[in-house]
C-alpha atoms as a PDB file:
ATOM      1  CA  MET A   1     -76.332 -80.328  61.226  1.00  0.00           C
ATOM      2  CA  LYS A   2     -77.546 -78.916  57.929  1.00  0.00           C
ATOM      3  CA  THR A   3     -80.415 -81.000  56.533  1.00  0.00           C
ATOM      4  CA  ILE A   4     -83.370 -82.785  58.120  1.00  0.00           C
ATOM      5  CA  LEU A   5     -85.583 -84.992  55.944  1.00  0.00           C
ATOM      6  CA  VAL A   6     -89.172 -85.007  57.190  1.00  0.00           C
ATOM      7  CA  ALA A   7     -91.541 -87.671  55.847  1.00  0.00           C
ATOM      8  CA  THR A   8     -95.268 -86.889  55.798  1.00  0.00           C
ATOM      9  CA  ASP A   9     -98.445 -88.697  54.741  1.00  0.00           C
ATOM     10  CA  PHE A  10    -100.627 -85.629  55.544  1.00  0.00           C
ATOM     11  CA  SER A  11    -102.311 -87.383  58.483  1.00  0.00           C
ATOM     12  CA  ALA A  12    -102.818 -85.500  61.763  1.00  0.00           C
ATOM     13  CA  VAL A  13    -100.047 -87.433  63.530  1.00  0.00           C
ATOM     14  CA  SER A  14     -97.720 -86.841  60.601  1.00  0.00           C
ATOM     15  CA  ARG A  15     -98.417 -83.110  60.572  1.00  0.00           C
ATOM     16  CA  ASN A  16     -97.699 -83.031  64.298  1.00  0.00           C
ATOM     17  CA  ALA A  17     -94.301 -84.575  63.521  1.00  0.00           C
ATOM     18  CA  THR A  18     -93.602 -81.905  60.896  1.00  0.00           C
ATOM     19  CA  VAL A  19     -94.307 -79.175  63.452  1.00  0.00           C
ATOM     20  CA  TYR A  20     -91.929 -80.858  65.897  1.00  0.00           C
ATOM     21  CA  ALA A  21     -89.336 -81.147  63.121  1.00  0.00           C
ATOM     22  CA  ALA A  22     -89.649 -77.466  62.203  1.00  0.00           C
ATOM     23  CA  GLN A  23     -89.113 -76.354  65.788  1.00  0.00           C
ATOM     24  CA  LEU A  24     -86.128 -78.665  66.189  1.00  0.00           C
ATOM     25  CA  ALA A  25     -84.659 -77.544  62.848  1.00  0.00           C
ATOM     26  CA  LYS A  26     -84.967 -73.900  63.883  1.00  0.00           C
ATOM     27  CA  ALA A  27     -83.116 -74.573  67.139  1.00  0.00           C
ATOM     28  CA  LEU A  28     -80.380 -76.518  65.326  1.00  0.00           C
ATOM     29  CA  GLY A  29     -80.049 -74.044  62.446  1.00  0.00           C
ATOM     30  CA  ALA A  30     -80.959 -76.714  59.889  1.00  0.00           C
ATOM     31  CA  LYS A  31     -83.201 -76.716  56.813  1.00  0.00           C
ATOM     32  CA  ILE A  32     -86.076 -79.128  56.216  1.00  0.00           C
ATOM     33  CA  ILE A  33     -86.844 -81.275  53.213  1.00  0.00           C
ATOM     34  CA  LEU A  34     -90.535 -82.117  53.464  1.00  0.00           C
ATOM     35  CA  PHE A  35     -91.201 -85.340  51.567  1.00  0.00           C
ATOM     36  CA  HIS A  36     -94.262 -87.340  50.552  1.00  0.00           C
ATOM     37  CA  THR A  37     -94.425 -90.633  48.653  1.00  0.00           C
ATOM     38  CA  TYR A  38     -97.529 -92.192  47.116  1.00  0.00           C
ATOM     39  CA  ASN A  39     -98.253 -95.438  45.293  1.00  0.00           C
ATOM     40  CA  ILE A  40     -99.928 -96.081  41.938  1.00  0.00           C
ATOM     41  CA  PRO A  41    -102.930 -98.459  42.276  1.00  0.00           C
ATOM     42  CA  THR A  42    -101.819-102.011  41.497  1.00  0.00           C
ATOM     43  CA  THR A  43    -104.962-104.146  41.731  1.00  0.00           C
ATOM     44  CA  VAL A  44    -107.921-104.346  39.371  1.00  0.00           C
ATOM     45  CA  MET A  45    -110.231-103.066  42.110  1.00  0.00           C
ATOM     46  CA  ASP A  46    -107.934-100.104  42.852  1.00  0.00           C
ATOM     47  CA  ILE A  47    -107.734 -99.210  39.181  1.00  0.00           C
ATOM     48  CA  ALA A  48    -111.511 -99.517  38.780  1.00  0.00           C
ATOM     49  CA  PHE A  49    -112.045 -96.917  41.501  1.00  0.00           C
ATOM     50  CA  MET A  50    -109.200 -94.695  40.364  1.00  0.00           C
ATOM     51  CA  MET A  51    -110.884 -91.518  39.152  1.00  0.00           C
ATOM     52  CA  VAL A  52    -107.792 -89.394  38.514  1.00  0.00           C
ATOM     53  CA  SER A  53    -104.648 -89.782  36.415  1.00  0.00           C
ATOM     54  CA  VAL A  54    -101.131 -90.149  37.801  1.00  0.00           C
ATOM     55  CA  GLU A  55    -100.444 -86.579  36.703  1.00  0.00           C
ATOM     56  CA  GLU A  56    -103.449 -85.382  38.678  1.00  0.00           C
ATOM     57  CA  MET A  57    -102.365 -87.407  41.717  1.00  0.00           C
ATOM     58  CA  GLN A  58     -98.905 -85.860  41.516  1.00  0.00           C
ATOM     59  CA  LYS A  59    -100.346 -82.354  41.219  1.00  0.00           C
ATOM     60  CA  GLU A  60    -102.749 -82.891  44.108  1.00  0.00           C
ATOM     61  CA  ASN A  61     -99.976 -84.150  46.383  1.00  0.00           C
ATOM     62  CA  GLU A  62     -97.675 -81.310  45.358  1.00  0.00           C
ATOM     63  CA  ASP A  63    -100.391 -78.762  46.165  1.00  0.00           C
ATOM     64  CA  ARG A  64    -100.908 -80.316  49.601  1.00  0.00           C
ATOM     65  CA  ILE A  65     -97.235 -80.510  50.502  1.00  0.00           C
ATOM     66  CA  LYS A  66     -96.571 -76.974  49.283  1.00  0.00           C
ATOM     67  CA  LYS A  67     -99.286 -75.676  51.612  1.00  0.00           C
ATOM     68  CA  ASP A  68     -97.695 -77.549  54.516  1.00  0.00           C
ATOM     69  CA  ALA A  69     -94.249 -76.225  53.604  1.00  0.00           C
ATOM     70  CA  ASP A  70     -95.545 -72.647  53.381  1.00  0.00           C
ATOM     71  CA  ARG A  71     -97.288 -73.037  56.731  1.00  0.00           C
ATOM     72  CA  LEU A  72     -94.097 -74.279  58.424  1.00  0.00           C
ATOM     73  CA  PHE A  73     -92.080 -71.403  56.993  1.00  0.00           C
ATOM     74  CA  ALA A  74     -94.677 -68.844  58.037  1.00  0.00           C
ATOM     75  CA  SER A  75     -94.988 -70.281  61.550  1.00  0.00           C
ATOM     76  CA  PHE A  76     -91.340 -70.987  62.368  1.00  0.00           C
ATOM     77  CA  GLY A  77     -89.206 -69.163  59.799  1.00  0.00           C
ATOM     78  CA  VAL A  78     -87.301 -72.332  58.939  1.00  0.00           C
ATOM     79  CA  GLU A  79     -86.126 -73.021  55.376  1.00  0.00           C
ATOM     80  CA  VAL A  80     -88.330 -75.698  53.800  1.00  0.00           C
ATOM     81  CA  GLU A  81     -87.771 -77.562  50.534  1.00  0.00           C
ATOM     82  CA  TRP A  82     -90.501 -79.969  49.436  1.00  0.00           C
ATOM     83  CA  LEU A  83     -90.658 -82.997  47.169  1.00  0.00           C
ATOM     84  CA  VAL A  84     -93.206 -85.613  46.051  1.00  0.00           C
ATOM     85  CA  ARG A  85     -92.344 -88.968  44.459  1.00  0.00           C
ATOM     86  CA  ILE A  86     -94.063 -92.191  43.420  1.00  0.00           C
ATOM     87  CA  GLY A  87     -92.769 -95.342  45.075  1.00  0.00           C
ATOM     88  CA  ILE A  88     -92.523 -97.442  48.200  1.00  0.00           C
ATOM     89  CA  PRO A  89     -92.253 -94.896  51.036  1.00  0.00           C
ATOM     90  CA  SER A  90     -89.447 -96.478  53.070  1.00  0.00           C
ATOM     91  CA  ASP A  91     -87.372 -97.099  49.925  1.00  0.00           C
ATOM     92  CA  GLU A  92     -87.862 -93.564  48.626  1.00  0.00           C
ATOM     93  CA  ILE A  93     -87.062 -92.064  52.029  1.00  0.00           C
ATOM     94  CA  LYS A  94     -83.796 -93.991  52.123  1.00  0.00           C
ATOM     95  CA  ILE A  95     -82.913 -92.985  48.541  1.00  0.00           C
ATOM     96  CA  LEU A  96     -83.691 -89.315  49.102  1.00  0.00           C
ATOM     97  CA  ALA A  97     -81.839 -89.221  52.425  1.00  0.00           C
ATOM     98  CA  ASP A  98     -78.742 -90.470  50.600  1.00  0.00           C
ATOM     99  CA  GLU A  99     -79.240 -88.098  47.652  1.00  0.00           C
ATOM    100  CA  LYS A 100     -79.622 -85.041  49.868  1.00  0.00           C
ATOM    101  CA  ASN A 101     -76.996 -86.158  52.386  1.00  0.00           C
ATOM    102  CA  ALA A 102     -79.549 -85.741  55.172  1.00  0.00           C
ATOM    103  CA  ASP A 103     -78.191 -85.637  58.703  1.00  0.00           C
ATOM    104  CA  LEU A 104     -81.453 -86.795  60.265  1.00  0.00           C
ATOM    105  CA  ILE A 105     -84.806 -88.296  59.255  1.00  0.00           C
ATOM    106  CA  ILE A 106     -87.931 -87.341  61.199  1.00  0.00           C
ATOM    107  CA  MET A 107     -91.304 -89.034  60.905  1.00  0.00           C
ATOM    108  CA  ALA A 108     -94.386 -89.861  62.956  1.00  0.00           C
ATOM    109  CA  VAL A 109     -94.488 -93.065  64.972  1.00  0.00           C
ATOM    110  CA  SER A 110     -97.533 -94.099  62.944  1.00  0.00           C
ATOM    111  CA  GLY A 111     -99.536 -92.636  60.114  1.00  0.00           C
ATOM    112  CA  GLU A 112    -102.727 -93.428  58.266  1.00  0.00           C
ATOM    113  CA  GLY A 113    -103.526 -97.118  58.181  1.00  0.00           C
ATOM    114  CA  ALA A 114    -101.261 -97.986  61.113  1.00  0.00           C
ATOM    115  CA  SER A 115    -104.242 -99.263  63.160  1.00  0.00           C
ATOM    116  CA  ASN A 116    -103.255-100.018  66.746  1.00  0.00           C
ATOM    117  CA  LYS A 117     -99.661-100.977  66.009  1.00  0.00           C
ATOM    118  CA  PHE A 118     -96.886 -99.101  67.771  1.00  0.00           C
ATOM    119  CA  ILE A 119     -95.111 -98.310  64.536  1.00  0.00           C
ATOM    120  CA  GLY A 120     -96.649 -98.027  61.099  1.00  0.00           C
ATOM    121  CA  SER A 121     -95.043-100.215  58.456  1.00  0.00           C
ATOM    122  CA  THR A 122     -93.370 -97.252  56.752  1.00  0.00           C
ATOM    123  CA  THR A 123     -91.742 -96.051  59.967  1.00  0.00           C
ATOM    124  CA  LEU A 124     -90.584 -99.517  60.987  1.00  0.00           C
ATOM    125  CA  ASN A 125     -89.205-100.254  57.511  1.00  0.00           C
ATOM    126  CA  THR A 126     -87.395 -96.915  57.472  1.00  0.00           C
ATOM    127  CA  LEU A 127     -85.813 -97.700  60.839  1.00  0.00           C
ATOM    128  CA  GLN A 128     -84.591-101.007  59.456  1.00  0.00           C
ATOM    129  CA  LYS A 129     -83.292 -99.690  56.113  1.00  0.00           C
ATOM    130  CA  SER A 130     -81.865 -96.263  56.841  1.00  0.00           C
ATOM    131  CA  LYS A 131     -78.231 -95.510  57.595  1.00  0.00           C
ATOM    132  CA  GLN A 132     -79.088 -92.033  58.867  1.00  0.00           C
ATOM    133  CA  PRO A 133     -80.394 -91.397  62.391  1.00  0.00           C
ATOM    134  CA  VAL A 134     -84.191 -91.569  62.523  1.00  0.00           C
ATOM    135  CA  LEU A 135     -86.259 -89.580  65.019  1.00  0.00           C
ATOM    136  CA  THR A 136     -89.792 -90.913  65.500  1.00  0.00           C
ATOM    137  CA  ILE A 137     -92.429 -88.611  66.982  1.00  0.00           C
ATOM    138  CA  PRO A 138     -95.396 -90.058  68.942  1.00  0.00           C
ATOM    139  CA  HIS A 139     -98.832 -88.734  68.018  1.00  0.00           C
ATOM    140  CA  ASN A 140     -99.204 -86.657  71.204  1.00  0.00           C
ATOM    141  CA  ALA A 141     -95.615 -85.388  71.533  1.00  0.00           C
ATOM    142  CA  ASN A 142     -95.041 -81.655  71.688  1.00  0.00           C
ATOM    143  CA  PHE A 143     -91.709 -79.952  71.174  1.00  0.00           C
ATOM    144  CA  ASN A 144     -90.134 -78.603  74.335  1.00  0.00           C
ATOM    145  CA  LYS A 145     -86.634 -77.617  75.295  1.00  0.00           C
ATOM    146  CA  ILE A 146     -84.657 -80.871  75.393  1.00  0.00           C
ATOM    147  CA  SER A 147     -83.266 -80.930  78.920  1.00  0.00           C
ATOM    148  CA  LYS A 148     -83.051 -84.672  79.684  1.00  0.00           C
ATOM    149  CA  VAL A 149     -81.916 -87.419  77.313  1.00  0.00           C
ATOM    150  CA  ILE A 150     -81.842 -91.163  78.019  1.00  0.00           C
ATOM    151  CA  TYR A 151     -79.476 -93.303  75.951  1.00  0.00           C
ATOM    152  CA  ALA A 152     -80.448 -96.962  76.417  1.00  0.00           C
ATOM    153  CA  THR A 153     -77.660 -99.387  75.553  1.00  0.00           C
ATOM    154  CA  ASP A 154     -77.000-103.120  75.944  1.00  0.00           C
ATOM    155  CA  LEU A 155     -73.229-102.514  76.389  1.00  0.00           C
ATOM    156  CA  SER A 156     -72.423-105.366  74.014  1.00  0.00           C
ATOM    157  CA  TYR A 157     -70.372-103.501  71.410  1.00  0.00           C
ATOM    158  CA  LEU A 158     -67.844-100.709  70.970  1.00  0.00           C
ATOM    159  CA  ALA A 159     -69.510 -97.434  70.077  1.00  0.00           C
ATOM    160  CA  LYS A 160     -67.980 -95.220  67.415  1.00  0.00           C
ATOM    161  CA  PRO A 161     -67.825 -91.480  68.204  1.00  0.00           C
ATOM    162  CA  GLU A 162     -69.168 -90.534  64.748  1.00  0.00           C
ATOM    163  CA  LEU A 163     -72.308 -92.538  65.511  1.00  0.00           C
ATOM    164  CA  PHE A 164     -73.316 -89.922  68.082  1.00  0.00           C
ATOM    165  CA  LEU A 165     -72.766 -86.725  66.100  1.00  0.00           C
ATOM    166  CA  VAL A 166     -76.478 -85.883  65.883  1.00  0.00           C
ATOM    167  CA  LEU A 167     -76.954 -86.643  69.578  1.00  0.00           C
ATOM    168  CA  PHE A 168     -73.905 -84.541  70.511  1.00  0.00           C
ATOM    169  CA  LYS A 169     -75.308 -81.645  68.488  1.00  0.00           C
ATOM    170  CA  ILE A 170     -78.705 -81.823  70.178  1.00  0.00           C
ATOM    171  CA  ILE A 171     -77.181 -82.039  73.643  1.00  0.00           C
ATOM    172  CA  LYS A 172     -74.832 -79.120  72.957  1.00  0.00           C
ATOM    173  CA  VAL A 173     -77.512 -76.824  71.517  1.00  0.00           C
ATOM    174  CA  PHE A 174     -79.975 -77.441  74.343  1.00  0.00           C
ATOM    175  CA  GLY A 175     -77.461 -77.939  77.158  1.00  0.00           C
ATOM    176  CA  ALA A 176     -79.162 -81.252  77.948  1.00  0.00           C
ATOM    177  CA  ASN A 177     -78.193 -83.809  80.575  1.00  0.00           C
ATOM    178  CA  LEU A 178     -77.491 -87.328  79.279  1.00  0.00           C
ATOM    179  CA  HIS A 179     -78.429 -90.413  81.258  1.00  0.00           C
ATOM    180  CA  VAL A 180     -76.824 -93.634  79.973  1.00  0.00           C
ATOM    181  CA  LEU A 181     -79.053 -96.567  80.893  1.00  0.00           C
ATOM    182  CA  HIS A 182     -78.385-100.297  80.795  1.00  0.00           C
ATOM    183  CA  ILE A 183     -81.230-102.733  81.463  1.00  0.00           C
ATOM    184  CA  GLN A 184     -80.245-106.232  82.570  1.00  0.00           C
ATOM    185  CA  VAL A 185     -82.262-109.329  83.419  1.00  0.00           C
ATOM    186  CA  PRO A 186     -82.090-109.978  87.175  1.00  0.00           C
ATOM    187  CA  GLY A 187     -79.160-112.240  88.036  1.00  0.00           C
ATOM    188  CA  LYS A 188     -77.490-111.870  84.617  1.00  0.00           C
ATOM    189  CA  LYS A 189     -74.727-109.348  85.024  1.00  0.00           C
ATOM    190  CA  LEU A 190     -72.719-108.529  81.897  1.00  0.00           C
ATOM    191  CA  GLU A 191     -69.106-109.641  82.284  1.00  0.00           C
ATOM    192  CA  GLU A 192     -67.746-106.653  80.369  1.00  0.00           C
ATOM    193  CA  GLU A 193     -69.921-104.172  82.227  1.00  0.00           C
ATOM    194  CA  ALA A 194     -67.121-102.249  83.950  1.00  0.00           C
ATOM    195  CA  ASN A 195     -65.063-102.039  80.753  1.00  0.00           C
ATOM    196  CA  ALA A 196     -68.062-100.909  78.693  1.00  0.00           C
ATOM    197  CA  LYS A 197     -68.976 -98.252  81.266  1.00  0.00           C
ATOM    198  CA  GLN A 198     -65.409 -96.925  81.208  1.00  0.00           C
ATOM    199  CA  LYS A 199     -65.490 -96.599  77.431  1.00  0.00           C
ATOM    200  CA  LEU A 200     -68.857 -94.858  77.450  1.00  0.00           C
ATOM    201  CA  ASP A 201     -67.629 -92.467  80.135  1.00  0.00           C
ATOM    202  CA  ALA A 202     -64.678 -91.641  77.876  1.00  0.00           C
ATOM    203  CA  LEU A 203     -66.978 -91.209  74.875  1.00  0.00           C
ATOM    204  CA  PHE A 204     -69.226 -88.784  76.763  1.00  0.00           C
ATOM    205  CA  GLN A 205     -66.474 -87.104  78.764  1.00  0.00           C
ATOM    206  CA  ASP A 206     -67.346 -83.638  77.455  1.00  0.00           C
ATOM    207  CA  ILE A 207     -71.043 -84.081  78.205  1.00  0.00           C
ATOM    208  CA  ASP A 208     -72.887 -83.832  81.511  1.00  0.00           C
ATOM    209  CA  HIS A 209     -73.921 -87.463  81.953  1.00  0.00           C
ATOM    210  CA  GLU A 210     -74.821 -90.156  84.468  1.00  0.00           C
ATOM    211  CA  PHE A 211     -74.718 -93.948  84.215  1.00  0.00           C
ATOM    212  CA  SER A 212     -77.393 -96.283  85.587  1.00  0.00           C
ATOM    213  CA  ILE A 213     -77.915-100.040  85.582  1.00  0.00           C
ATOM    214  CA  MET A 214     -81.417-101.336  86.212  1.00  0.00           C
ATOM    215  CA  ASP A 215     -82.804-104.852  86.653  1.00  0.00           C
ATOM    216  CA  ALA A 216     -85.989-105.588  84.709  1.00  0.00           C
ATOM    217  CA  GLU A 217     -87.683-108.583  83.118  1.00  0.00           C
ATOM    218  CA  SER A 218     -87.535-106.929  79.675  1.00  0.00           C
ATOM    219  CA  ILE A 219     -85.645-104.073  78.079  1.00  0.00           C
ATOM    220  CA  MET A 220     -88.717-101.973  77.335  1.00  0.00           C
ATOM    221  CA  LEU A 221     -90.268-102.589  80.746  1.00  0.00           C
ATOM    222  CA  GLY A 222     -87.105-101.238  82.339  1.00  0.00           C
ATOM    223  CA  ILE A 223     -86.895 -98.284  79.930  1.00  0.00           C
ATOM    224  CA  ASN A 224     -90.528 -97.375  80.546  1.00  0.00           C
ATOM    225  CA  GLN A 225     -90.153 -97.568  84.320  1.00  0.00           C
ATOM    226  CA  PHE A 226     -86.987 -95.502  84.242  1.00  0.00           C
ATOM    227  CA  SER A 227     -88.576 -92.967  81.887  1.00  0.00           C
ATOM    228  CA  GLN A 228     -91.665 -92.574  84.061  1.00  0.00           C
ATOM    229  CA  LYS A 229     -89.419 -91.744  87.004  1.00  0.00           C
ATOM    230  CA  ASN A 230     -86.977 -89.436  85.209  1.00  0.00           C
ATOM    231  CA  LYS A 231     -89.297 -87.928  82.538  1.00  0.00           C
ATOM    232  CA  PRO A 232     -86.833 -87.460  79.647  1.00  0.00           C
ATOM    233  CA  ASP A 233     -87.490 -85.278  76.617  1.00  0.00           C
ATOM    234  CA  LEU A 234     -85.733 -87.709  74.263  1.00  0.00           C
ATOM    235  CA  LEU A 235     -85.040 -91.439  74.250  1.00  0.00           C
ATOM    236  CA  VAL A 236     -82.051 -92.688  72.229  1.00  0.00           C
ATOM    237  CA  MET A 237     -81.195 -96.224  71.099  1.00  0.00           C
ATOM    238  CA  THR A 238     -78.785 -97.794  68.639  1.00  0.00           C
ATOM    239  CA  ALA A 239     -79.525-100.256  65.837  1.00  0.00           C
ATOM    240  CA  HIS A 240     -76.485-102.442  65.230  1.00  0.00           C
ATOM    241  CA  LYS A 241     -75.446-105.918  64.219  1.00  0.00           C
ATOM    242  CA  HIS A 242     -76.460-107.403  67.555  1.00  0.00           C
ATOM    243  CA  ASN A 243     -80.098-106.586  66.752  1.00  0.00           C
ATOM    244  CA  PHE A 244     -80.789-104.619  69.928  1.00  0.00           C
ATOM    245  CA  LEU A 245     -83.502-102.712  68.079  1.00  0.00           C
ATOM    246  CA  GLU A 246     -85.105-105.872  66.720  1.00  0.00           C
ATOM    247  CA  ARG A 247     -85.211-107.397  70.209  1.00  0.00           C
ATOM    248  CA  ILE A 248     -87.072-104.330  71.402  1.00  0.00           C
ATOM    249  CA  PHE A 249     -89.558-104.059  68.544  1.00  0.00           C
ATOM    250  CA  GLY A 250     -90.049-107.777  68.031  1.00  0.00           C
ATOM    251  CA  LYS A 251     -92.976-108.340  70.399  1.00  0.00           C
ATOM    252  CA  ASN A 252     -96.491-106.985  70.332  1.00  0.00           C
ATOM    253  CA  TYR A 253     -96.546-105.936  73.990  1.00  0.00           C
ATOM    254  CA  THR A 254     -93.453-103.846  73.390  1.00  0.00           C
ATOM    255  CA  ARG A 255     -95.108-102.071  70.470  1.00  0.00           C
ATOM    256  CA  GLU A 256     -98.153-101.375  72.593  1.00  0.00           C
ATOM    257  CA  MET A 257     -96.064 -99.922  75.426  1.00  0.00           C
ATOM    258  CA  LEU A 258     -94.176 -97.614  73.110  1.00  0.00           C
ATOM    259  CA  HIS A 259     -97.395 -96.633  71.376  1.00  0.00           C
ATOM    260  CA  GLU A 260     -98.509 -95.082  74.662  1.00  0.00           C
ATOM    261  CA  THR A 261     -95.347 -93.043  75.264  1.00  0.00           C
ATOM    262  CA  THR A 262     -95.058 -89.341  74.571  1.00  0.00           C
ATOM    263  CA  ILE A 263     -91.269 -89.505  74.330  1.00  0.00           C
ATOM    264  CA  PRO A 264     -89.669 -89.001  70.879  1.00  0.00           C
ATOM    265  CA  LEU A 265     -87.281 -91.836  69.985  1.00  0.00           C
ATOM    266  CA  LEU A 266     -83.981 -91.208  68.218  1.00  0.00           C
ATOM    267  CA  VAL A 267     -82.515 -94.326  66.586  1.00  0.00           C
ATOM    268  CA  LEU A 268     -78.821 -94.193  65.697  1.00  0.00           C
ATOM    269  CA  HIS A 269     -77.586 -96.628  63.047  1.00  0.00           C
ATOM    270  CA  ASP A 270     -74.285 -98.401  63.439  1.00  0.00           C
ATOM    271  CA  LYS A 271     -74.244 -99.887  59.927  1.00  0.00           C
ATOM    272  CA  GLU A 272     -71.594-100.357  57.281  1.00  0.00           C
END
């Protein structure tokens, strides 16, 4: 892993995510690209209250991000490049991640203006649009040695080895244990369960891992119960054509449950 793109909106939760990212980047031997996107006022009211020019807005944001970049370098000794652009945040994050060939995107679970939602609109949109793995950091998460990882899967598709490169790297560097978890609705056993388990065992054959199947009324209820018992340092899921991710994030109670967690979430993208 060489490059980690870290999105920031300068909020407290976002700065916490940048600190987590810097510590992870140092452990992985990667550099950081610290990135901020801002919008030009579009309504008459916004323009009426706009007291600075676009050039001044750009300069102000560049000054702020440079200070954050310098602080990260001074604190953790990690290489930090910084960049500020005008545009829609999730679109610009996707564009820059492609331009810089980023291996991983890191951002806070929610930033300014996210209210009580589990995921701010920028984070959710980035999860939906990005082809790169995205690691979301809850507001109260602190970086620790990653010893336990839970990979939650619905077992409904064939996983590609290249999909897990970032996860493999993290597990190797930290010597972490992987727990593969499948949540099923009581009484609805997956017909291909044994075959899927065999393929996952083959995929993770070089990694210390366990496999568990748990009955629960919902995916996130099961994941939360399992996480409370096993206390992982990282939760991993996959976004793919079967919309596993959308089923998880589609309901308000799910967002609220995840909003309360302190576990960073790594989303892998199985997209064309």
